[in-house]
Amino acid sequence: MYLGGESAGLVGTSVHLVALPALSVLELDATAGQTALLASLAHLPTFLLALPAGGIVDRYAKRALLVGTDLAGAVVVAVVPVAALTGVLSMPVLYAVALILGAVTVLHQAAAIAIVPELVQPALLHRANARVGAAFGAADTAGTYLGTAVVAAVGAAKAFWLDALKYLVSAWCAARIPEPGRPAAAAGEGRPRRRLAGEIGEGVAYTARTPLVRDLVLALTLTGVGVGVSGALFAYYLLTALEAGPTGLGIVMGVSGAGALVGALAAPRIVARFGPGPTLLAGFATCPVAGVPLLFARPGPGWLAVLAAAGGLQLAAAAVAGTTQRSVRQQICPPPLQARAQQTSTWLVSGSKPFAAMAGGAVATAYGARTALAVGTLVLVLPVVVLWRSPVSRLTAMPVPAPSPGDCALARGDRPPAAATEADPRT
């Protein structure tokens, strides 16, 4: 039920990822600056709420949070077709929807990621994350193509009704996830509950003081900046300079989603053969290389096919690296810190995107969208440098699982566990 619910929700997300830029650019005549602002507002809640979300998820039942946020998402996306029917749809309405939906998504994703280690055994964690990534890749592809078809058939605004329906399906599935049975200590029970700020500080301190995790999060943060700059203008550039239209945009995004599916399925076998360190390094290095064709593309079906293939390769590499780094961090992290450590990473990675998107919009306004895309691609080279110089590149096997909840010196910042020290040959 977990995979079914999350996949349904992602189908809905993929629908509005096609419908939202098509609606703003083609129907509301949004400029490059407005498009970048829309992308920035969608990511801004991550910067504001990711850290508190980690503390909330570590305190409360994750299943209830999944259901509640899905229901809230259904209400929020329904605002778009209602506004269109009543004649009040405008860019400010889309700004508000993007901002509120972003806030709901932050809390939902925090719970969705943190619940996985509670549903599977530690030895199966990487395989489970790979299957989750594969399901999400399939849902992303299906949702993108479905969204493209719906936008072409009934218009971008009405496509949001389908988005709302998918959120309701996701809520129904989440309500049927078995409540994870955890030891009281793992849930943080039997110990005094401290102020939320103090618990957030534990997650930040853990990330800062654990070398392996720190380097991974730094690389991810730089990736978030690069993706924030280029991602804010990707759809705009395809729809305007490359004249791809909603169908062309949907094709590129759909093939990219298929790449994510292939990458996620292949990740465990790739890691087993080459080790997590080389796999992560190669995955991060592929992302800027696959972004180069967009800088030279011209209108036409041939270039559209090239961009689709490049997008598929880029997301395949991102899926391999993403499932691997997440599994490494989850194996190391003590159970009481899972959500807070994850949300510290999310805060740094996704929280940087709104500012990167605004910077990309400023560069595009001053020098053109292609220049902004080139800047974003160059930034994606920096994570490769970080990992090359890091113990991460020398990981030859997945780290051992985190110590038992009773051994939480790490949470206090006293010392990292053996699996995270530079003395361990696997780091």
Protein backbone atom coordinates (compact mmCIF):
# COMPACT_ATOMS: atom_id res chain seq x y z
CA MET A 1 0.00 0.00 0.00
CA TYR A 2 2.94 2.31 0.65
CA LEU A 3 4.22 2.00 -2.91
CA GLY A 4 0.72 2.29 -4.35
CA GLY A 5 -0.11 5.42 -2.41
CA GLU A 6 3.16 7.20 -3.02
CA SER A 7 3.11 6.27 -6.71
CA ALA A 8 -0.43 7.61 -7.07
CA GLY A 9 0.61 10.85 -5.42
CA LEU A 10 3.59 11.16 -7.73
CA VAL A 11 1.39 10.58 -10.76
CA GLY A 12 -0.61 13.60 -9.62
CA THR A 13 2.56 15.61 -9.10
CA SER A 14 3.79 14.71 -12.59
CA VAL A 15 0.47 15.84 -14.05
CA HIS A 16 0.77 19.31 -12.58
CA LEU A 17 4.47 19.51 -13.48
CA VAL A 18 3.29 19.47 -17.10
CA ALA A 19 0.09 21.46 -16.58
CA LEU A 20 1.53 24.26 -14.42
CA PRO A 21 4.18 25.58 -16.85
CA ALA A 22 1.83 25.09 -19.79
CA LEU A 23 -0.85 27.07 -17.97
CA SER A 24 1.48 29.87 -16.88
CA VAL A 25 3.47 30.29 -20.12
CA LEU A 26 0.93 29.46 -22.83
CA GLU A 27 -2.31 30.72 -21.26
CA LEU A 28 -1.22 33.43 -18.81
CA ASP A 29 1.79 34.64 -20.89
CA ALA A 30 4.25 34.38 -18.00
CA THR A 31 7.69 35.93 -18.52
CA ALA A 32 11.00 34.25 -17.68
CA GLY A 33 11.08 36.16 -14.39
CA GLN A 34 7.54 35.08 -13.48
CA THR A 35 8.32 31.48 -14.38
CA ALA A 36 11.41 31.54 -12.17
CA LEU A 37 9.41 33.12 -9.34
CA LEU A 38 6.78 30.37 -9.63
CA ALA A 39 9.49 27.71 -9.35
CA SER A 40 11.09 29.59 -6.45
CA LEU A 41 7.84 29.74 -4.47
CA ALA A 42 7.30 26.01 -4.97
CA HIS A 43 10.66 25.33 -3.27
CA LEU A 44 10.57 28.10 -0.64
CA PRO A 45 8.59 26.04 1.94
CA THR A 46 11.43 23.52 1.99
CA PHE A 47 13.81 26.20 3.22
CA LEU A 48 11.31 27.40 5.83
CA LEU A 49 9.79 24.13 7.00
CA ALA A 50 12.13 21.21 6.31
CA LEU A 51 13.87 21.31 9.71
CA PRO A 52 10.66 21.60 11.78
CA ALA A 53 9.12 18.86 9.61
CA GLY A 54 11.88 16.46 10.70
CA GLY A 55 11.12 17.08 14.36
CA ILE A 56 7.38 16.70 13.78
CA VAL A 57 7.78 13.42 11.89
CA ASP A 58 10.04 11.97 14.59
CA ARG A 59 7.37 12.83 17.18
CA TYR A 60 4.12 11.72 15.55
CA ALA A 61 2.67 8.76 13.62
CA LYS A 62 3.93 8.87 10.07
CA ARG A 63 0.91 7.14 8.57
CA ALA A 64 -1.45 9.82 9.87
CA LEU A 65 0.82 12.52 8.46
CA LEU A 66 0.80 10.84 5.05
CA VAL A 67 -3.00 10.71 4.97
CA GLY A 68 -3.48 14.26 6.18
CA THR A 69 -1.04 15.82 3.73
CA ASP A 70 -2.54 13.90 0.79
CA LEU A 71 -6.00 15.23 1.63
CA ALA A 72 -4.64 18.75 1.97
CA GLY A 73 -2.87 18.42 -1.40
CA ALA A 74 -6.14 17.41 -3.09
CA VAL A 75 -7.84 20.56 -1.79
CA VAL A 76 -4.99 22.85 -2.82
CA VAL A 77 -4.67 21.66 -6.44
CA ALA A 78 -8.47 21.83 -6.89
CA VAL A 79 -8.17 25.61 -6.45
CA VAL A 80 -6.72 25.94 -9.98
CA PRO A 81 -9.67 24.55 -12.00
CA VAL A 82 -12.14 26.28 -9.67
CA ALA A 83 -10.38 29.61 -10.24
CA ALA A 84 -10.43 28.99 -14.00
CA LEU A 85 -14.16 28.25 -13.93
CA THR A 86 -14.91 31.43 -12.01
CA GLY A 87 -12.66 33.58 -14.20
CA VAL A 88 -10.19 34.61 -11.49
CA LEU A 89 -7.21 32.49 -12.51
CA SER A 90 -4.02 34.55 -12.56
CA MET A 91 -0.32 34.30 -11.81
CA PRO A 92 -0.89 35.36 -8.15
CA VAL A 93 -3.29 32.41 -7.78
CA LEU A 94 -0.65 30.05 -9.19
CA TYR A 95 1.94 31.59 -6.86
CA ALA A 96 -0.30 30.87 -3.85
CA VAL A 97 -1.02 27.31 -4.99
CA ALA A 98 2.69 26.61 -5.56
CA LEU A 99 3.60 28.00 -2.12
CA ILE A 100 0.92 26.11 -0.15
CA LEU A 101 1.35 22.87 -2.08
CA GLY A 102 5.09 23.14 -1.47
CA ALA A 103 4.48 23.35 2.28
CA VAL A 104 2.21 20.29 2.22
CA THR A 105 4.75 18.38 0.15
CA VAL A 106 7.59 19.09 2.58
CA LEU A 107 5.77 17.41 5.46
CA HIS A 108 4.51 14.54 3.31
CA GLN A 109 7.92 13.71 1.89
CA ALA A 110 9.54 13.86 5.32
CA ALA A 111 7.12 11.21 6.59
CA ALA A 112 7.30 9.14 3.39
CA ILE A 113 11.10 8.87 3.48
CA ALA A 114 11.42 8.33 7.24
CA ILE A 115 8.86 5.50 7.32
CA VAL A 116 10.83 3.24 4.93
CA PRO A 117 13.44 2.03 7.49
CA GLU A 118 10.53 1.13 9.80
CA LEU A 119 8.91 -1.08 7.15
CA VAL A 120 11.94 -3.15 6.10
CA GLN A 121 14.90 -4.90 7.69
CA PRO A 122 18.27 -3.04 7.57
CA ALA A 123 19.82 -5.62 5.23
CA LEU A 124 17.03 -4.98 2.71
CA LEU A 125 17.09 -1.19 2.94
CA HIS A 126 19.01 -0.46 -0.28
CA ARG A 127 16.87 -2.89 -2.25
CA ALA A 128 13.75 -1.32 -0.77
CA ASN A 129 14.91 2.19 -1.65
CA ALA A 130 15.70 0.99 -5.17
CA ARG A 131 12.20 -0.45 -5.56
CA VAL A 132 10.69 2.74 -4.21
CA GLY A 133 12.75 4.72 -6.73
CA ALA A 134 11.68 2.40 -9.54
CA ALA A 135 8.01 2.73 -8.61
CA PHE A 136 8.39 6.49 -8.49
CA GLY A 137 10.11 6.51 -11.88
CA ALA A 138 7.26 4.50 -13.39
CA ALA A 139 4.68 6.77 -11.75
CA ASP A 140 6.57 9.84 -12.95
CA THR A 141 6.58 8.60 -16.53
CA ALA A 142 2.93 7.56 -16.44
CA GLY A 143 1.89 10.83 -14.82
CA THR A 144 3.84 12.91 -17.30
CA TYR A 145 2.36 11.20 -20.34
CA LEU A 146 -1.08 11.20 -18.77
CA GLY A 147 -0.73 14.88 -17.93
CA THR A 148 0.38 15.65 -21.49
CA ALA A 149 -2.61 13.82 -22.91
CA VAL A 150 -5.06 15.47 -20.51
CA VAL A 151 -3.62 18.94 -21.15
CA ALA A 152 -3.93 18.39 -24.90
CA ALA A 153 -7.48 17.03 -24.57
CA VAL A 154 -9.14 19.31 -22.03
CA GLY A 155 -6.68 22.12 -21.28
CA ALA A 156 -4.11 22.75 -18.56
CA ALA A 157 -6.52 24.08 -15.93
CA LYS A 158 -8.89 21.11 -16.06
CA ALA A 159 -5.94 18.71 -15.79
CA PHE A 160 -5.70 19.68 -12.13
CA TRP A 161 -8.92 17.74 -11.41
CA LEU A 162 -6.98 14.59 -12.25
CA ASP A 163 -4.21 15.79 -9.94
CA ALA A 164 -6.73 16.13 -7.08
CA LEU A 165 -8.10 12.64 -7.72
CA LYS A 166 -4.63 11.10 -7.50
CA TYR A 167 -4.03 12.74 -4.14
CA LEU A 168 -7.27 11.18 -2.86
CA VAL A 169 -6.17 7.75 -4.10
CA SER A 170 -2.84 8.25 -2.35
CA ALA A 171 -4.61 9.14 0.91
CA TRP A 172 -6.77 5.99 0.68
CA CYS A 173 -3.68 3.80 0.19
CA ALA A 174 -1.74 5.51 2.99
CA ALA A 175 -4.58 4.90 5.42
CA ARG A 176 -4.10 1.16 4.83
CA ILE A 177 -0.38 1.01 5.50
CA PRO A 178 0.20 -1.22 8.56
CA GLU A 179 1.29 0.87 11.50
CA PRO A 180 5.02 0.10 11.88
CA GLY A 181 5.77 -1.80 15.05
CA ARG A 182 8.83 -0.24 16.66
CA PRO A 183 10.51 -0.58 20.02
CA ALA A 184 9.57 2.22 22.38
CA ALA A 185 13.14 3.51 22.42
CA ALA A 186 13.24 3.76 18.65
CA ALA A 187 10.15 5.94 18.66
CA GLY A 188 11.65 8.19 21.28
CA GLU A 189 9.21 6.97 23.95
CA GLY A 190 10.28 6.57 27.53
CA ARG A 191 12.52 9.62 27.42
CA PRO A 192 11.63 13.26 28.15
CA ARG A 193 10.46 15.17 25.12
CA ARG A 194 12.52 18.28 24.62
CA ARG A 195 11.73 21.51 22.84
CA LEU A 196 11.43 21.20 19.06
CA ALA A 197 14.37 23.55 18.52
CA GLY A 198 16.63 21.29 20.58
CA GLU A 199 15.57 18.21 18.63
CA ILE A 200 16.16 20.02 15.34
CA GLY A 201 19.63 20.95 16.60
CA GLU A 202 20.42 17.26 17.14
CA GLY A 203 19.71 16.51 13.50
CA VAL A 204 21.84 19.42 12.30
CA ALA A 205 24.70 18.49 14.66
CA TYR A 206 24.61 14.86 13.51
CA THR A 207 24.90 15.91 9.87
CA ALA A 208 27.70 18.39 10.55
CA ARG A 209 29.79 16.02 12.72
CA THR A 210 29.54 12.80 10.69
CA PRO A 211 32.17 13.02 7.91
CA LEU A 212 30.54 10.63 5.46
CA VAL A 213 27.10 12.20 5.82
CA ARG A 214 28.49 15.74 5.77
CA ASP A 215 30.21 15.24 2.41
CA LEU A 216 27.18 13.59 0.85
CA VAL A 217 24.90 16.41 1.99
CA LEU A 218 27.35 19.05 0.73
CA ALA A 219 27.42 17.38 -2.68
CA LEU A 220 23.64 17.16 -2.71
CA THR A 221 23.31 20.81 -1.71
CA LEU A 222 25.50 21.95 -4.59
CA THR A 223 23.42 19.75 -6.87
CA GLY A 224 20.30 21.44 -5.54
CA VAL A 225 21.75 24.83 -6.45
CA GLY A 226 22.58 23.73 -9.99
CA VAL A 227 19.19 22.10 -10.48
CA GLY A 228 17.47 25.14 -8.98
CA VAL A 229 19.09 27.48 -11.49
CA SER A 230 18.47 25.35 -14.59
CA GLY A 231 15.27 23.61 -13.50
CA ALA A 232 13.44 26.90 -12.99
CA LEU A 233 13.89 27.73 -16.68
CA PHE A 234 13.85 24.28 -18.28
CA ALA A 235 10.15 24.21 -19.17
CA TYR A 236 10.16 27.88 -20.14
CA TYR A 237 13.08 27.36 -22.52
CA LEU A 238 11.50 24.33 -24.15
CA LEU A 239 8.16 26.06 -24.58
CA THR A 240 9.56 29.35 -25.91
CA ALA A 241 13.04 29.15 -27.48
CA LEU A 242 12.69 25.53 -28.65
CA GLU A 243 8.95 25.77 -29.47
CA ALA A 244 8.34 22.27 -28.08
CA GLY A 245 4.75 22.90 -26.96
CA PRO A 246 3.07 20.96 -24.13
CA THR A 247 3.39 17.68 -26.07
CA GLY A 248 7.12 18.11 -26.60
CA LEU A 249 7.60 19.08 -22.96
CA GLY A 250 5.65 16.02 -21.89
CA ILE A 251 7.70 13.72 -24.12
CA VAL A 252 11.00 14.98 -22.70
CA MET A 253 9.76 14.75 -19.13
CA GLY A 254 8.23 11.32 -19.73
CA VAL A 255 11.43 9.82 -21.14
CA SER A 256 13.32 11.38 -18.23
CA GLY A 257 10.97 9.64 -15.82
CA ALA A 258 11.57 6.35 -17.61
CA GLY A 259 15.28 6.90 -17.11
CA ALA A 260 14.69 7.29 -13.39
CA LEU A 261 12.83 3.96 -13.40
CA VAL A 262 15.70 2.17 -15.15
CA GLY A 263 18.31 3.75 -12.88
CA ALA A 264 16.50 2.85 -9.70
CA LEU A 265 16.06 -0.78 -10.77
CA ALA A 266 19.71 -1.06 -11.75
CA ALA A 267 21.13 0.66 -8.65
CA PRO A 268 21.56 -2.42 -6.39
CA ARG A 269 23.35 -4.40 -9.11
CA ILE A 270 25.61 -1.48 -10.00
CA VAL A 271 26.52 -0.92 -6.36
CA ALA A 272 27.16 -4.64 -5.84
CA ARG A 273 29.59 -4.68 -8.77
CA PHE A 274 31.42 -1.37 -8.40
CA GLY A 275 30.79 -0.33 -4.80
CA PRO A 276 28.80 2.66 -3.52
CA GLY A 277 31.71 5.12 -3.77
CA PRO A 278 32.46 4.78 -7.51
CA THR A 279 28.72 4.52 -8.21
CA LEU A 280 28.01 7.81 -6.46
CA LEU A 281 30.92 9.53 -8.18
CA ALA A 282 29.85 8.34 -11.64
CA GLY A 283 26.21 9.22 -11.00
CA PHE A 284 26.98 12.78 -9.96
CA ALA A 285 29.44 13.21 -12.86
CA THR A 286 26.86 12.14 -15.45
CA CYS A 287 24.38 14.88 -14.49
CA PRO A 288 26.28 17.91 -15.86
CA VAL A 289 27.39 15.97 -18.95
CA ALA A 290 23.77 15.10 -19.77
CA GLY A 291 22.78 18.75 -19.40
CA VAL A 292 25.10 19.96 -22.18
CA PRO A 293 22.83 19.11 -25.20
CA LEU A 294 20.20 21.56 -23.97
CA LEU A 295 22.70 24.42 -24.37
CA PHE A 296 23.08 23.70 -28.11
CA ALA A 297 19.55 22.55 -28.96
CA ARG A 298 17.46 24.15 -31.70
CA PRO A 299 13.75 23.77 -32.53
CA GLY A 300 12.82 20.55 -34.29
CA PRO A 301 11.96 16.90 -33.63
CA GLY A 302 15.57 15.73 -33.95
CA TRP A 303 16.77 17.91 -31.12
CA LEU A 304 13.68 17.00 -29.11
CA ALA A 305 14.71 13.33 -29.35
CA VAL A 306 18.26 14.21 -28.26
CA LEU A 307 16.95 16.16 -25.26
CA ALA A 308 14.65 13.29 -24.30
CA ALA A 309 17.55 10.84 -24.40
CA ALA A 310 19.78 13.21 -22.42
CA GLY A 311 17.05 13.71 -19.84
CA GLY A 312 16.59 9.96 -19.52
CA LEU A 313 20.33 9.47 -18.98
CA GLN A 314 20.49 12.31 -16.46
CA LEU A 315 17.61 11.01 -14.34
CA ALA A 316 18.88 7.43 -14.58
CA ALA A 317 22.20 8.57 -13.11
CA ALA A 318 20.38 10.69 -10.53
CA ALA A 319 18.24 7.71 -9.49
CA VAL A 320 21.27 5.44 -9.08
CA ALA A 321 23.10 8.05 -7.03
CA GLY A 322 19.98 9.08 -5.13
CA THR A 323 18.93 5.65 -3.91
CA THR A 324 22.54 4.83 -3.03
CA GLN A 325 23.29 7.95 -1.00
CA ARG A 326 19.97 7.71 0.82
CA SER A 327 20.61 4.08 1.76
CA VAL A 328 24.11 4.93 2.98
CA ARG A 329 22.78 7.70 5.20
CA GLN A 330 19.88 5.62 6.52
CA GLN A 331 22.16 2.72 7.39
CA ILE A 332 24.42 4.98 9.42
CA CYS A 333 21.79 7.10 11.13
CA PRO A 334 20.43 6.01 14.55
CA PRO A 335 16.66 5.29 14.36
CA PRO A 336 15.54 8.18 16.64
CA LEU A 337 17.29 10.64 14.31
CA GLN A 338 16.10 9.32 10.94
CA ALA A 339 13.58 12.04 10.06
CA ARG A 340 15.60 14.91 11.52
CA ALA A 341 18.79 13.87 9.73
CA GLN A 342 16.88 13.42 6.48
CA GLN A 343 15.20 16.81 6.84
CA THR A 344 18.50 18.53 7.57
CA SER A 345 19.64 17.24 4.20
CA THR A 346 16.34 18.24 2.58
CA TRP A 347 16.55 21.72 4.09
CA LEU A 348 20.01 22.29 2.67
CA VAL A 349 19.39 20.64 -0.70
CA SER A 350 15.86 21.71 -1.62
CA GLY A 351 15.93 24.79 0.57
CA SER A 352 18.66 26.22 -1.65
CA LYS A 353 16.50 25.85 -4.76
CA PRO A 354 14.22 28.90 -4.33
CA PHE A 355 17.22 31.20 -4.07
CA ALA A 356 18.93 29.43 -6.95
CA ALA A 357 15.74 29.76 -9.02
CA MET A 358 15.57 33.49 -8.32
CA ALA A 359 19.23 33.82 -9.28
CA GLY A 360 18.53 31.88 -12.47
CA GLY A 361 15.64 34.18 -13.25
CA ALA A 362 17.83 37.24 -12.72
CA VAL A 363 20.54 35.84 -15.02
CA ALA A 364 17.94 34.92 -17.64
CA THR A 365 16.41 38.39 -17.51
CA ALA A 366 19.81 40.06 -17.91
CA TYR A 367 21.61 37.68 -20.27
CA GLY A 368 19.04 35.22 -21.61
CA ALA A 369 17.70 31.81 -20.57
CA ARG A 370 20.48 29.86 -22.31
CA THR A 371 23.14 31.64 -20.25
CA ALA A 372 21.26 30.81 -17.05
CA LEU A 373 21.05 27.17 -18.11
CA ALA A 374 24.80 27.14 -18.75
CA VAL A 375 25.46 28.53 -15.26
CA GLY A 376 23.30 25.79 -13.73
CA THR A 377 25.16 23.11 -15.69
CA LEU A 378 28.54 24.42 -14.54
CA VAL A 379 27.42 24.38 -10.90
CA LEU A 380 26.62 20.66 -11.26
CA VAL A 381 30.34 20.01 -11.73
CA LEU A 382 31.12 21.14 -8.16
CA PRO A 383 29.55 18.09 -6.39
CA VAL A 384 31.86 15.82 -8.39
CA VAL A 385 34.87 17.72 -7.02
CA VAL A 386 33.52 17.39 -3.46
CA LEU A 387 33.00 13.63 -3.74
CA TRP A 388 36.34 13.07 -5.49
CA ARG A 389 38.13 14.58 -2.48
CA SER A 390 35.88 12.85 0.05
CA PRO A 391 36.02 9.44 1.80
CA VAL A 392 32.74 8.79 -0.02
CA SER A 393 34.66 7.97 -3.21
CA ARG A 394 36.46 5.15 -1.35
CA LEU A 395 33.34 3.34 -0.15
CA THR A 396 33.63 -0.25 -1.38
CA ALA A 397 30.60 -1.64 0.48
CA MET A 398 27.45 -0.33 2.12
CA PRO A 399 28.09 0.77 5.73
CA VAL A 400 26.93 -1.39 8.61
CA PRO A 401 23.54 -0.46 10.14
CA ALA A 402 23.40 2.25 12.76
CA PRO A 403 23.95 1.35 16.43
CA SER A 404 21.01 0.50 18.64
CA PRO A 405 18.90 3.40 19.94
CA GLY A 406 20.49 3.03 23.34
CA ASP A 407 23.88 3.96 21.92
CA CYS A 408 23.12 7.50 20.89
CA ALA A 409 26.34 9.28 21.73
CA LEU A 410 26.27 10.30 18.07
CA ALA A 411 23.08 12.23 18.59
CA ARG A 412 24.89 14.29 21.22
CA GLY A 413 27.79 14.87 18.83
CA ASP A 414 30.32 12.98 20.99
CA ARG A 415 31.70 10.86 18.14
CA PRO A 416 30.50 9.25 14.89
CA PRO A 417 29.86 5.50 14.71
CA ALA A 418 32.56 3.24 13.31
CA ALA A 419 30.84 3.04 9.94
CA ALA A 420 31.14 6.78 9.52
CA THR A 421 34.76 7.31 10.57
CA GLU A 422 37.58 7.86 8.16
CA ALA A 423 39.44 4.99 9.82
CA ASP A 424 36.90 2.53 8.41
CA PRO A 425 38.27 1.22 5.08
CA ARG A 426 34.80 1.43 3.55
CA THR A 427 34.75 5.22 3.85
